[in-house]
Amino acid sequence: ISFSARLTYPMPMLTLGGLVVDEDSGAVVTGSGAAIPGLYAAGRTAV
């Protein structure tokens, strides 16, 4: 069951990180925590 590239027994993978958002609104924020006006993110684009 090793980690290897086998078409018949693959190891699916996906990324889980992304843009930091305000958790009350979904607004994308800067490193200082300030919201970028007019910009939001959702799903796997965002944390």
All heavy atoms as atom14 arrays in JSON, in Angstrom:
{
  "sequence": "ISFSARLTYPMPMLTLGGLVVDEDSGAVVTGSGAAIPGLYAAGRTAV",
  "atom14_mask": [
    [1, 1, 1, 1, 1, 1, 1, 1, 0, 0, 0, 0, 0, 0],
    [1, 1, 1, 1, 1, 1, 0, 0, 0, 0, 0, 0, 0, 0],
    [1, 1, 1, 1, 1, 1, 1, 1, 1, 1, 1, 0, 0, 0],
    [1, 1, 1, 1, 1, 1, 0, 0, 0, 0, 0, 0, 0, 0],
    [1, 1, 1, 1, 1, 0, 0, 0, 0, 0, 0, 0, 0, 0],
    [1, 1, 1, 1, 1, 1, 1, 1, 1, 1, 1, 0, 0, 0],
    [1, 1, 1, 1, 1, 1, 1, 1, 0, 0, 0, 0, 0, 0],
    [1, 1, 1, 1, 1, 1, 1, 0, 0, 0, 0, 0, 0, 0],
    [1, 1, 1, 1, 1, 1, 1, 1, 1, 1, 1, 1, 0, 0],
    [1, 1, 1, 1, 1, 1, 1, 0, 0, 0, 0, 0, 0, 0],
    [1, 1, 1, 1, 1, 1, 1, 1, 0, 0, 0, 0, 0, 0],
    [1, 1, 1, 1, 1, 1, 1, 0, 0, 0, 0, 0, 0, 0],
    [1, 1, 1, 1, 1, 1, 1, 1, 0, 0, 0, 0, 0, 0],
    [1, 1, 1, 1, 1, 1, 1, 1, 0, 0, 0, 0, 0, 0],
    [1, 1, 1, 1, 1, 1, 1, 0, 0, 0, 0, 0, 0, 0],
    [1, 1, 1, 1, 1, 1, 1, 1, 0, 0, 0, 0, 0, 0],
    [1, 1, 1, 1, 0, 0, 0, 0, 0, 0, 0, 0, 0, 0],
    [1, 1, 1, 1, 0, 0, 0, 0, 0, 0, 0, 0, 0, 0],
    [1, 1, 1, 1, 1, 1, 1, 1, 0, 0, 0, 0, 0, 0],
    [1, 1, 1, 1, 1, 1, 1, 0, 0, 0, 0, 0, 0, 0],
    [1, 1, 1, 1, 1, 1, 1, 0, 0, 0, 0, 0, 0, 0],
    [1, 1, 1, 1, 1, 1, 1, 1, 0, 0, 0, 0, 0, 0],
    [1, 1, 1, 1, 1, 1, 1, 1, 1, 0, 0, 0, 0, 0],
    [1, 1, 1, 1, 1, 1, 1, 1, 0, 0, 0, 0, 0, 0],
    [1, 1, 1, 1, 1, 1, 0, 0, 0, 0, 0, 0, 0, 0],
    [1, 1, 1, 1, 0, 0, 0, 0, 0, 0, 0, 0, 0, 0],
    [1, 1, 1, 1, 1, 0, 0, 0, 0, 0, 0, 0, 0, 0],
    [1, 1, 1, 1, 1, 1, 1, 0, 0, 0, 0, 0, 0, 0],
    [1, 1, 1, 1, 1, 1, 1, 0, 0, 0, 0, 0, 0, 0],
    [1, 1, 1, 1, 1, 1, 1, 0, 0, 0, 0, 0, 0, 0],
    [1, 1, 1, 1, 0, 0, 0, 0, 0, 0, 0, 0, 0, 0],
    [1, 1, 1, 1, 1, 1, 0, 0, 0, 0, 0, 0, 0, 0],
    [1, 1, 1, 1, 0, 0, 0, 0, 0, 0, 0, 0, 0, 0],
    [1, 1, 1, 1, 1, 0, 0, 0, 0, 0, 0, 0, 0, 0],
    [1, 1, 1, 1, 1, 0, 0, 0, 0, 0, 0, 0, 0, 0],
    [1, 1, 1, 1, 1, 1, 1, 1, 0, 0, 0, 0, 0, 0],
    [1, 1, 1, 1, 1, 1, 1, 0, 0, 0, 0, 0, 0, 0],
    [1, 1, 1, 1, 0, 0, 0, 0, 0, 0, 0, 0, 0, 0],
    [1, 1, 1, 1, 1, 1, 1, 1, 0, 0, 0, 0, 0, 0],
    [1, 1, 1, 1, 1, 1, 1, 1, 1, 1, 1, 1, 0, 0],
    [1, 1, 1, 1, 1, 0, 0, 0, 0, 0, 0, 0, 0, 0],
    [1, 1, 1, 1, 1, 0, 0, 0, 0, 0, 0, 0, 0, 0],
    [1, 1, 1, 1, 0, 0, 0, 0, 0, 0, 0, 0, 0, 0],
    [1, 1, 1, 1, 1, 1, 1, 1, 1, 1, 1, 0, 0, 0],
    [1, 1, 1, 1, 1, 1, 1, 0, 0, 0, 0, 0, 0, 0],
    [1, 1, 1, 1, 1, 0, 0, 0, 0, 0, 0, 0, 0, 0],
    [1, 1, 1, 1, 1, 1, 1, 0, 0, 0, 0, 0, 0, 0]
  ],
  "atom14_positions": [
    [[0.84, -1.21, 0.0], [0.0, 0.0, 0.0], [0.87, 1.26, 0.0], [0.45, 2.32, 0.44], [-0.97, 0.01, 1.2], [-0.21, -0.06, 2.53], [-1.96, -1.15, 1.09], [-1.09, 0.16, 3.76], [0.0, 0.0, 0.0], [0.0, 0.0, 0.0], [0.0, 0.0, 0.0], [0.0, 0.0, 0.0], [0.0, 0.0, 0.0], [0.0, 0.0, 0.0]],
    [[2.09, 1.13, -0.53], [3.06, 2.22, -0.51], [2.59, 3.41, -1.32], [1.69, 3.32, -2.17], [4.39, 1.73, -1.07], [4.9, 0.66, -0.32], [0.0, 0.0, 0.0], [0.0, 0.0, 0.0], [0.0, 0.0, 0.0], [0.0, 0.0, 0.0], [0.0, 0.0, 0.0], [0.0, 0.0, 0.0], [0.0, 0.0, 0.0], [0.0, 0.0, 0.0]],
    [[3.24, 4.53, -1.06], [3.03, 5.76, -1.81], [3.73, 5.59, -3.15], [4.96, 5.66, -3.24], [3.66, 6.93, -1.05], [2.99, 8.25, -1.25], [2.51, 8.97, -0.17], [2.84, 8.78, -2.52], [1.9, 10.2, -0.34], [2.22, 10.01, -2.7], [1.76, 10.72, -1.61], [0.0, 0.0, 0.0], [0.0, 0.0, 0.0], [0.0, 0.0, 0.0]],
    [[2.99, 5.32, -4.2], [3.59, 5.12, -5.51], [2.58, 5.44, -6.59], [1.36, 5.4, -6.36], [4.1, 3.68, -5.69], [3.04, 2.75, -5.55], [0.0, 0.0, 0.0], [0.0, 0.0, 0.0], [0.0, 0.0, 0.0], [0.0, 0.0, 0.0], [0.0, 0.0, 0.0], [0.0, 0.0, 0.0], [0.0, 0.0, 0.0], [0.0, 0.0, 0.0]],
    [[3.1, 5.76, -7.79], [2.25, 6.18, -8.9], [1.75, 4.95, -9.65], [2.36, 4.49, -10.61], [3.03, 7.1, -9.83], [0.0, 0.0, 0.0], [0.0, 0.0, 0.0], [0.0, 0.0, 0.0], [0.0, 0.0, 0.0], [0.0, 0.0, 0.0], [0.0, 0.0, 0.0], [0.0, 0.0, 0.0], [0.0, 0.0, 0.0], [0.0, 0.0, 0.0]],
    [[0.63, 4.38, -9.19], [0.04, 3.21, -9.85], [-1.34, 3.58, -10.36], [-2.21, 3.99, -9.58], [-0.06, 2.05, -8.87], [1.27, 1.37, -8.58], [1.14, 0.33, -7.5], [1.06, 0.94, -6.18], [0.93, 0.25, -5.04], [0.85, -1.06, -5.07], [0.88, 0.86, -3.88], [0.0, 0.0, 0.0], [0.0, 0.0, 0.0], [0.0, 0.0, 0.0]],
    [[-1.54, 3.41, -11.65], [-2.81, 3.79, -12.26], [-3.96, 2.98, -11.67], [-5.06, 3.49, -11.48], [-2.74, 3.59, -13.78], [-3.99, 3.99, -14.57], [-4.28, 5.48, -14.4], [-3.8, 3.65, -16.05], [0.0, 0.0, 0.0], [0.0, 0.0, 0.0], [0.0, 0.0, 0.0], [0.0, 0.0, 0.0], [0.0, 0.0, 0.0], [0.0, 0.0, 0.0]],
    [[-3.7, 1.71, -11.35], [-4.77, 0.85, -10.84], [-4.94, 0.94, -9.33], [-5.91, 0.42, -8.79], [-4.48, -0.62, -11.21], [-3.19, -0.99, -10.7], [-4.51, -0.81, -12.71], [0.0, 0.0, 0.0], [0.0, 0.0, 0.0], [0.0, 0.0, 0.0], [0.0, 0.0, 0.0], [0.0, 0.0, 0.0], [0.0, 0.0, 0.0], [0.0, 0.0, 0.0]],
    [[-4.0, 1.59, -8.64], [-4.13, 1.77, -7.19], [-3.51, 3.12, -6.83], [-2.49, 3.19, -6.16], [-3.43, 0.62, -6.46], [-3.77, 0.53, -4.98], [-5.08, 0.58, -4.53], [-2.76, 0.36, -4.04], [-5.39, 0.48, -3.18], [-3.05, 0.25, -2.68], [-4.36, 0.31, -2.26], [-4.66, 0.21, -0.92], [0.0, 0.0, 0.0], [0.0, 0.0, 0.0]],
    [[-4.12, 4.19, -7.29], [-3.51, 5.52, -7.14], [-3.6, 6.03, -5.71], [-4.39, 5.55, -4.89], [-4.36, 6.38, -8.08], [-5.7, 5.72, -8.08], [-5.42, 4.25, -7.99], [0.0, 0.0, 0.0], [0.0, 0.0, 0.0], [0.0, 0.0, 0.0], [0.0, 0.0, 0.0], [0.0, 0.0, 0.0], [0.0, 0.0, 0.0], [0.0, 0.0, 0.0]],
    [[-2.79, 7.03, -5.43], [-2.81, 7.75, -4.16], [-3.36, 9.15, -4.44], [-2.61, 10.07, -4.75], [-1.41, 7.84, -3.56], [-1.36, 8.49, -2.19], [-1.86, 7.42, -0.83], [-0.29, 6.68, -0.38], [0.0, 0.0, 0.0], [0.0, 0.0, 0.0], [0.0, 0.0, 0.0], [0.0, 0.0, 0.0], [0.0, 0.0, 0.0], [0.0, 0.0, 0.0]],
    [[-4.68, 9.34, -4.4], [-5.25, 10.67, -4.7], [-4.74, 11.71, -3.72], [-4.51, 11.42, -2.54], [-6.76, 10.45, -4.55], [-6.96, 8.97, -4.65], [-5.73, 8.37, -4.06], [0.0, 0.0, 0.0], [0.0, 0.0, 0.0], [0.0, 0.0, 0.0], [0.0, 0.0, 0.0], [0.0, 0.0, 0.0], [0.0, 0.0, 0.0], [0.0, 0.0, 0.0]],
    [[-4.6, 12.95, -4.2], [-4.13, 14.02, -3.32], [-4.7, 15.35, -3.77], [-5.02, 15.54, -4.95], [-2.6, 14.07, -3.3], [-1.97, 14.38, -4.63], [-0.16, 14.39, -4.52], [0.25, 14.96, -6.16], [0.0, 0.0, 0.0], [0.0, 0.0, 0.0], [0.0, 0.0, 0.0], [0.0, 0.0, 0.0], [0.0, 0.0, 0.0], [0.0, 0.0, 0.0]],
    [[-4.83, 16.27, -2.82], [-5.29, 17.62, -3.12], [-4.68, 18.59, -2.13], [-4.22, 18.18, -1.05], [-6.81, 17.72, -3.11], [-7.55, 17.74, -1.77], [-8.96, 18.28, -1.97], [-7.62, 16.36, -1.15], [0.0, 0.0, 0.0], [0.0, 0.0, 0.0], [0.0, 0.0, 0.0], [0.0, 0.0, 0.0], [0.0, 0.0, 0.0], [0.0, 0.0, 0.0]],
    [[-4.65, 19.86, -2.5], [-4.14, 20.89, -1.61], [-5.27, 21.44, -0.75], [-6.42, 21.51, -1.18], [-3.5, 22.04, -2.41], [-4.47, 22.58, -3.32], [-2.3, 21.54, -3.2], [0.0, 0.0, 0.0], [0.0, 0.0, 0.0], [0.0, 0.0, 0.0], [0.0, 0.0, 0.0], [0.0, 0.0, 0.0], [0.0, 0.0, 0.0], [0.0, 0.0, 0.0]],
    [[-4.92, 21.86, 0.47], [-5.94, 22.32, 1.42], [-5.76, 23.78, 1.84], [-6.65, 24.34, 2.47], [-5.92, 21.43, 2.67], [-6.19, 19.94, 2.46], [-6.08, 19.19, 3.77], [-7.56, 19.72, 1.82], [0.0, 0.0, 0.0], [0.0, 0.0, 0.0], [0.0, 0.0, 0.0], [0.0, 0.0, 0.0], [0.0, 0.0, 0.0], [0.0, 0.0, 0.0]],
    [[-4.61, 24.37, 1.54], [-4.37, 25.76, 1.94], [-4.77, 26.75, 0.87], [-5.16, 26.37, -0.24], [0.0, 0.0, 0.0], [0.0, 0.0, 0.0], [0.0, 0.0, 0.0], [0.0, 0.0, 0.0], [0.0, 0.0, 0.0], [0.0, 0.0, 0.0], [0.0, 0.0, 0.0], [0.0, 0.0, 0.0], [0.0, 0.0, 0.0], [0.0, 0.0, 0.0]],
    [[-4.65, 28.03, 1.19], [-5.0, 29.05, 0.21], [-5.0, 30.43, 0.82], [-4.23, 30.74, 1.74], [0.0, 0.0, 0.0], [0.0, 0.0, 0.0], [0.0, 0.0, 0.0], [0.0, 0.0, 0.0], [0.0, 0.0, 0.0], [0.0, 0.0, 0.0], [0.0, 0.0, 0.0], [0.0, 0.0, 0.0], [0.0, 0.0, 0.0], [0.0, 0.0, 0.0]],
    [[-5.89, 31.26, 0.34], [-5.98, 32.66, 0.79], [-6.58, 32.75, 2.18], [-7.53, 32.02, 2.52], [-6.83, 33.46, -0.19], [-6.36, 33.48, -1.64], [-7.4, 34.15, -2.53], [-5.0, 34.19, -1.75], [0.0, 0.0, 0.0], [0.0, 0.0, 0.0], [0.0, 0.0, 0.0], [0.0, 0.0, 0.0], [0.0, 0.0, 0.0], [0.0, 0.0, 0.0]],
    [[-6.05, 33.64, 2.98], [-6.63, 33.91, 4.3], [-7.82, 34.84, 4.13], [-7.74, 35.85, 3.42], [-5.59, 34.55, 5.24], [-6.2, 34.83, 6.61], [-4.37, 33.64, 5.37], [0.0, 0.0, 0.0], [0.0, 0.0, 0.0], [0.0, 0.0, 0.0], [0.0, 0.0, 0.0], [0.0, 0.0, 0.0], [0.0, 0.0, 0.0], [0.0, 0.0, 0.0]],
    [[-8.93, 34.45, 4.73], [-10.15, 35.26, 4.6], [-10.68, 35.63, 5.99], [-10.42, 34.95, 6.98], [-11.25, 34.52, 3.81], [-10.81, 34.26, 2.38], [-11.64, 33.21, 4.49], [0.0, 0.0, 0.0], [0.0, 0.0, 0.0], [0.0, 0.0, 0.0], [0.0, 0.0, 0.0], [0.0, 0.0, 0.0], [0.0, 0.0, 0.0], [0.0, 0.0, 0.0]],
    [[-11.43, 36.7, 6.02], [-12.18, 37.06, 7.21], [-13.27, 36.0, 7.41], [-14.09, 35.78, 6.51], [-12.8, 38.45, 7.05], [-13.61, 38.85, 8.26], [-14.79, 38.43, 8.35], [-13.08, 39.57, 9.11], [0.0, 0.0, 0.0], [0.0, 0.0, 0.0], [0.0, 0.0, 0.0], [0.0, 0.0, 0.0], [0.0, 0.0, 0.0], [0.0, 0.0, 0.0]],
    [[-13.28, 35.36, 8.56], [-14.17, 34.22, 8.74], [-15.62, 34.6, 9.0], [-16.5, 33.74, 9.06], [-13.64, 33.33, 9.87], [-12.32, 32.67, 9.5], [-11.76, 31.8, 10.61], [-12.54, 31.34, 11.48], [-10.54, 31.57, 10.62], [0.0, 0.0, 0.0], [0.0, 0.0, 0.0], [0.0, 0.0, 0.0], [0.0, 0.0, 0.0], [0.0, 0.0, 0.0]],
    [[-15.89, 35.89, 9.11], [-17.28, 36.34, 9.23], [-17.88, 36.7, 7.87], [-19.09, 36.65, 7.7], [-17.37, 37.54, 10.16], [-17.02, 37.19, 11.6], [-17.4, 36.08, 12.03], [-16.37, 38.0, 12.27], [0.0, 0.0, 0.0], [0.0, 0.0, 0.0], [0.0, 0.0, 0.0], [0.0, 0.0, 0.0], [0.0, 0.0, 0.0], [0.0, 0.0, 0.0]],
    [[-17.02, 37.09, 6.92], [-17.54, 37.57, 5.64], [-17.0, 36.85, 4.42], [-17.61, 36.88, 3.36], [-17.21, 39.07, 5.49], [-15.81, 39.26, 5.36], [0.0, 0.0, 0.0], [0.0, 0.0, 0.0], [0.0, 0.0, 0.0], [0.0, 0.0, 0.0], [0.0, 0.0, 0.0], [0.0, 0.0, 0.0], [0.0, 0.0, 0.0], [0.0, 0.0, 0.0]],
    [[-15.84, 36.21, 4.54], [-15.19, 35.62, 3.38], [-14.32, 36.59, 2.61], [-13.78, 36.23, 1.55], [0.0, 0.0, 0.0], [0.0, 0.0, 0.0], [0.0, 0.0, 0.0], [0.0, 0.0, 0.0], [0.0, 0.0, 0.0], [0.0, 0.0, 0.0], [0.0, 0.0, 0.0], [0.0, 0.0, 0.0], [0.0, 0.0, 0.0], [0.0, 0.0, 0.0]],
    [[-14.16, 37.81, 3.11], [-13.32, 38.79, 2.44], [-11.85, 38.37, 2.53], [-11.39, 37.93, 3.59], [-13.5, 40.17, 3.07], [0.0, 0.0, 0.0], [0.0, 0.0, 0.0], [0.0, 0.0, 0.0], [0.0, 0.0, 0.0], [0.0, 0.0, 0.0], [0.0, 0.0, 0.0], [0.0, 0.0, 0.0], [0.0, 0.0, 0.0], [0.0, 0.0, 0.0]],
    [[-11.13, 38.5, 1.45], [-9.7, 38.2, 1.44], [-8.96, 39.28, 2.21], [-9.26, 40.48, 2.08], [-9.19, 38.11, -0.01], [-7.68, 37.89, -0.04], [-9.91, 36.98, -0.76], [0.0, 0.0, 0.0], [0.0, 0.0, 0.0], [0.0, 0.0, 0.0], [0.0, 0.0, 0.0], [0.0, 0.0, 0.0], [0.0, 0.0, 0.0], [0.0, 0.0, 0.0]],
    [[-7.97, 38.86, 3.02], [-7.27, 39.82, 3.86], [-5.78, 39.84, 3.54], [-5.23, 38.91, 2.96], [-7.48, 39.53, 5.37], [-8.95, 39.54, 5.72], [-6.85, 38.19, 5.75], [0.0, 0.0, 0.0], [0.0, 0.0, 0.0], [0.0, 0.0, 0.0], [0.0, 0.0, 0.0], [0.0, 0.0, 0.0], [0.0, 0.0, 0.0], [0.0, 0.0, 0.0]],
    [[-5.13, 40.91, 3.95], [-3.7, 41.07, 3.78], [-2.98, 40.46, 4.98], [-3.61, 39.97, 5.93], [-3.32, 42.56, 3.68], [-3.63, 43.18, 4.94], [-4.1, 43.24, 2.57], [0.0, 0.0, 0.0], [0.0, 0.0, 0.0], [0.0, 0.0, 0.0], [0.0, 0.0, 0.0], [0.0, 0.0, 0.0], [0.0, 0.0, 0.0], [0.0, 0.0, 0.0]],
    [[-1.64, 40.53, 4.96], [-0.87, 40.01, 6.07], [-1.17, 40.7, 7.38], [-1.01, 40.1, 8.46], [0.0, 0.0, 0.0], [0.0, 0.0, 0.0], [0.0, 0.0, 0.0], [0.0, 0.0, 0.0], [0.0, 0.0, 0.0], [0.0, 0.0, 0.0], [0.0, 0.0, 0.0], [0.0, 0.0, 0.0], [0.0, 0.0, 0.0], [0.0, 0.0, 0.0]],
    [[-1.61, 41.93, 7.35], [-1.95, 42.66, 8.57], [-3.37, 42.37, 9.05], [-3.79, 42.85, 10.1], [-1.81, 44.17, 8.33], [-2.79, 44.63, 7.39], [0.0, 0.0, 0.0], [0.0, 0.0, 0.0], [0.0, 0.0, 0.0], [0.0, 0.0, 0.0], [0.0, 0.0, 0.0], [0.0, 0.0, 0.0], [0.0, 0.0, 0.0], [0.0, 0.0, 0.0]],
    [[-4.12, 41.6, 8.26], [-5.5, 41.27, 8.64], [-6.53, 42.21, 8.08], [-7.74, 42.02, 8.32], [0.0, 0.0, 0.0], [0.0, 0.0, 0.0], [0.0, 0.0, 0.0], [0.0, 0.0, 0.0], [0.0, 0.0, 0.0], [0.0, 0.0, 0.0], [0.0, 0.0, 0.0], [0.0, 0.0, 0.0], [0.0, 0.0, 0.0], [0.0, 0.0, 0.0]],
    [[-6.11, 43.21, 7.31], [-7.07, 44.15, 6.73], [-7.72, 43.54, 5.49], [-7.05, 42.91, 4.66], [-6.35, 45.45, 6.34], [0.0, 0.0, 0.0], [0.0, 0.0, 0.0], [0.0, 0.0, 0.0], [0.0, 0.0, 0.0], [0.0, 0.0, 0.0], [0.0, 0.0, 0.0], [0.0, 0.0, 0.0], [0.0, 0.0, 0.0], [0.0, 0.0, 0.0]],
    [[-9.01, 43.74, 5.36], [-9.72, 43.21, 4.2], [-9.34, 43.97, 2.94], [-9.18, 45.19, 2.96], [-11.23, 43.3, 4.42], [0.0, 0.0, 0.0], [0.0, 0.0, 0.0], [0.0, 0.0, 0.0], [0.0, 0.0, 0.0], [0.0, 0.0, 0.0], [0.0, 0.0, 0.0], [0.0, 0.0, 0.0], [0.0, 0.0, 0.0], [0.0, 0.0, 0.0]],
    [[-9.18, 43.26, 1.82], [-8.98, 43.89, 0.53], [-10.35, 44.25, -0.02], [-11.15, 43.34, -0.33], [-8.23, 42.95, -0.44], [-6.85, 42.61, 0.12], [-8.11, 43.58, -1.82], [-6.08, 41.61, -0.72], [0.0, 0.0, 0.0], [0.0, 0.0, 0.0], [0.0, 0.0, 0.0], [0.0, 0.0, 0.0], [0.0, 0.0, 0.0], [0.0, 0.0, 0.0]],
    [[-10.68, 45.52, -0.14], [-12.03, 45.89, -0.57], [-12.39, 45.26, -1.92], [-11.6, 45.27, -2.87], [-11.95, 47.42, -0.69], [-10.85, 47.81, 0.24], [-9.84, 46.71, 0.14], [0.0, 0.0, 0.0], [0.0, 0.0, 0.0], [0.0, 0.0, 0.0], [0.0, 0.0, 0.0], [0.0, 0.0, 0.0], [0.0, 0.0, 0.0], [0.0, 0.0, 0.0]],
    [[-13.58, 44.69, -1.96], [-14.1, 44.15, -3.21], [-13.65, 42.74, -3.54], [-14.03, 42.22, -4.6], [0.0, 0.0, 0.0], [0.0, 0.0, 0.0], [0.0, 0.0, 0.0], [0.0, 0.0, 0.0], [0.0, 0.0, 0.0], [0.0, 0.0, 0.0], [0.0, 0.0, 0.0], [0.0, 0.0, 0.0], [0.0, 0.0, 0.0], [0.0, 0.0, 0.0]],
    [[-12.87, 42.08, -2.67], [-12.33, 40.75, -3.0], [-12.71, 39.74, -1.93], [-12.46, 39.94, -0.73], [-10.81, 40.81, -3.14], [-10.14, 39.52, -3.63], [-10.62, 39.15, -5.03], [-8.63, 39.66, -3.61], [0.0, 0.0, 0.0], [0.0, 0.0, 0.0], [0.0, 0.0, 0.0], [0.0, 0.0, 0.0], [0.0, 0.0, 0.0], [0.0, 0.0, 0.0]],
    [[-13.29, 38.62, -2.37], [-13.71, 37.53, -1.5], [-13.17, 36.22, -2.08], [-12.77, 36.16, -3.25], [-15.23, 37.46, -1.39], [-15.88, 38.69, -0.79], [-16.03, 39.85, -1.55], [-16.32, 38.69, 0.52], [-16.63, 40.99, -1.0], [-16.92, 39.82, 1.08], [-17.06, 40.97, 0.3], [-17.64, 42.08, 0.86], [0.0, 0.0, 0.0], [0.0, 0.0, 0.0]],
    [[-13.18, 35.17, -1.27], [-12.76, 33.86, -1.75], [-13.51, 32.78, -0.99], [-13.94, 32.97, 0.15], [-11.25, 33.67, -1.58], [0.0, 0.0, 0.0], [0.0, 0.0, 0.0], [0.0, 0.0, 0.0], [0.0, 0.0, 0.0], [0.0, 0.0, 0.0], [0.0, 0.0, 0.0], [0.0, 0.0, 0.0], [0.0, 0.0, 0.0], [0.0, 0.0, 0.0]],
    [[-13.66, 31.61, -1.63], [-14.37, 30.5, -1.02], [-13.85, 29.19, -1.6], [-13.18, 29.18, -2.64], [-15.88, 30.62, -1.26], [0.0, 0.0, 0.0], [0.0, 0.0, 0.0], [0.0, 0.0, 0.0], [0.0, 0.0, 0.0], [0.0, 0.0, 0.0], [0.0, 0.0, 0.0], [0.0, 0.0, 0.0], [0.0, 0.0, 0.0], [0.0, 0.0, 0.0]],
    [[-14.19, 28.09, -0.92], [-13.75, 26.78, -1.39], [-12.27, 26.6, -1.19], [-11.64, 27.19, -0.32], [0.0, 0.0, 0.0], [0.0, 0.0, 0.0], [0.0, 0.0, 0.0], [0.0, 0.0, 0.0], [0.0, 0.0, 0.0], [0.0, 0.0, 0.0], [0.0, 0.0, 0.0], [0.0, 0.0, 0.0], [0.0, 0.0, 0.0], [0.0, 0.0, 0.0]],
    [[-11.66, 25.77, -2.03], [-10.26, 25.43, -1.85], [-9.31, 26.55, -2.25], [-8.11, 26.45, -2.04], [-9.9, 24.16, -2.6], [-10.58, 22.91, -2.1], [-10.07, 22.4, -0.77], [-10.16, 23.37, 0.32], [-11.27, 23.71, 0.97], [-12.43, 23.16, 0.63], [-11.26, 24.6, 1.95], [0.0, 0.0, 0.0], [0.0, 0.0, 0.0], [0.0, 0.0, 0.0]],
    [[-9.82, 27.64, -2.77], [-8.98, 28.82, -3.0], [-8.64, 29.48, -1.68], [-7.65, 30.23, -1.6], [-9.72, 29.82, -3.91], [-10.16, 29.13, -5.09], [-8.81, 30.96, -4.33], [0.0, 0.0, 0.0], [0.0, 0.0, 0.0], [0.0, 0.0, 0.0], [0.0, 0.0, 0.0], [0.0, 0.0, 0.0], [0.0, 0.0, 0.0], [0.0, 0.0, 0.0]],
    [[-9.42, 29.21, -0.66], [-9.27, 29.88, 0.64], [-8.98, 28.87, 1.74], [-9.31, 27.68, 1.64], [-10.54, 30.66, 0.97], [0.0, 0.0, 0.0], [0.0, 0.0, 0.0], [0.0, 0.0, 0.0], [0.0, 0.0, 0.0], [0.0, 0.0, 0.0], [0.0, 0.0, 0.0], [0.0, 0.0, 0.0], [0.0, 0.0, 0.0], [0.0, 0.0, 0.0]],
    [[-8.39, 29.35, 2.82], [-8.27, 28.54, 4.03], [-9.67, 28.33, 4.58], [-10.47, 29.28, 4.66], [-7.38, 29.24, 5.07], [-7.39, 28.48, 6.39], [-5.96, 29.38, 4.54], [0.0, 0.0, 0.0], [0.0, 0.0, 0.0], [0.0, 0.0, 0.0], [0.0, 0.0, 0.0], [0.0, 0.0, 0.0], [0.0, 0.0, 0.0], [0.0, 0.0, 0.0]]
  ]
}
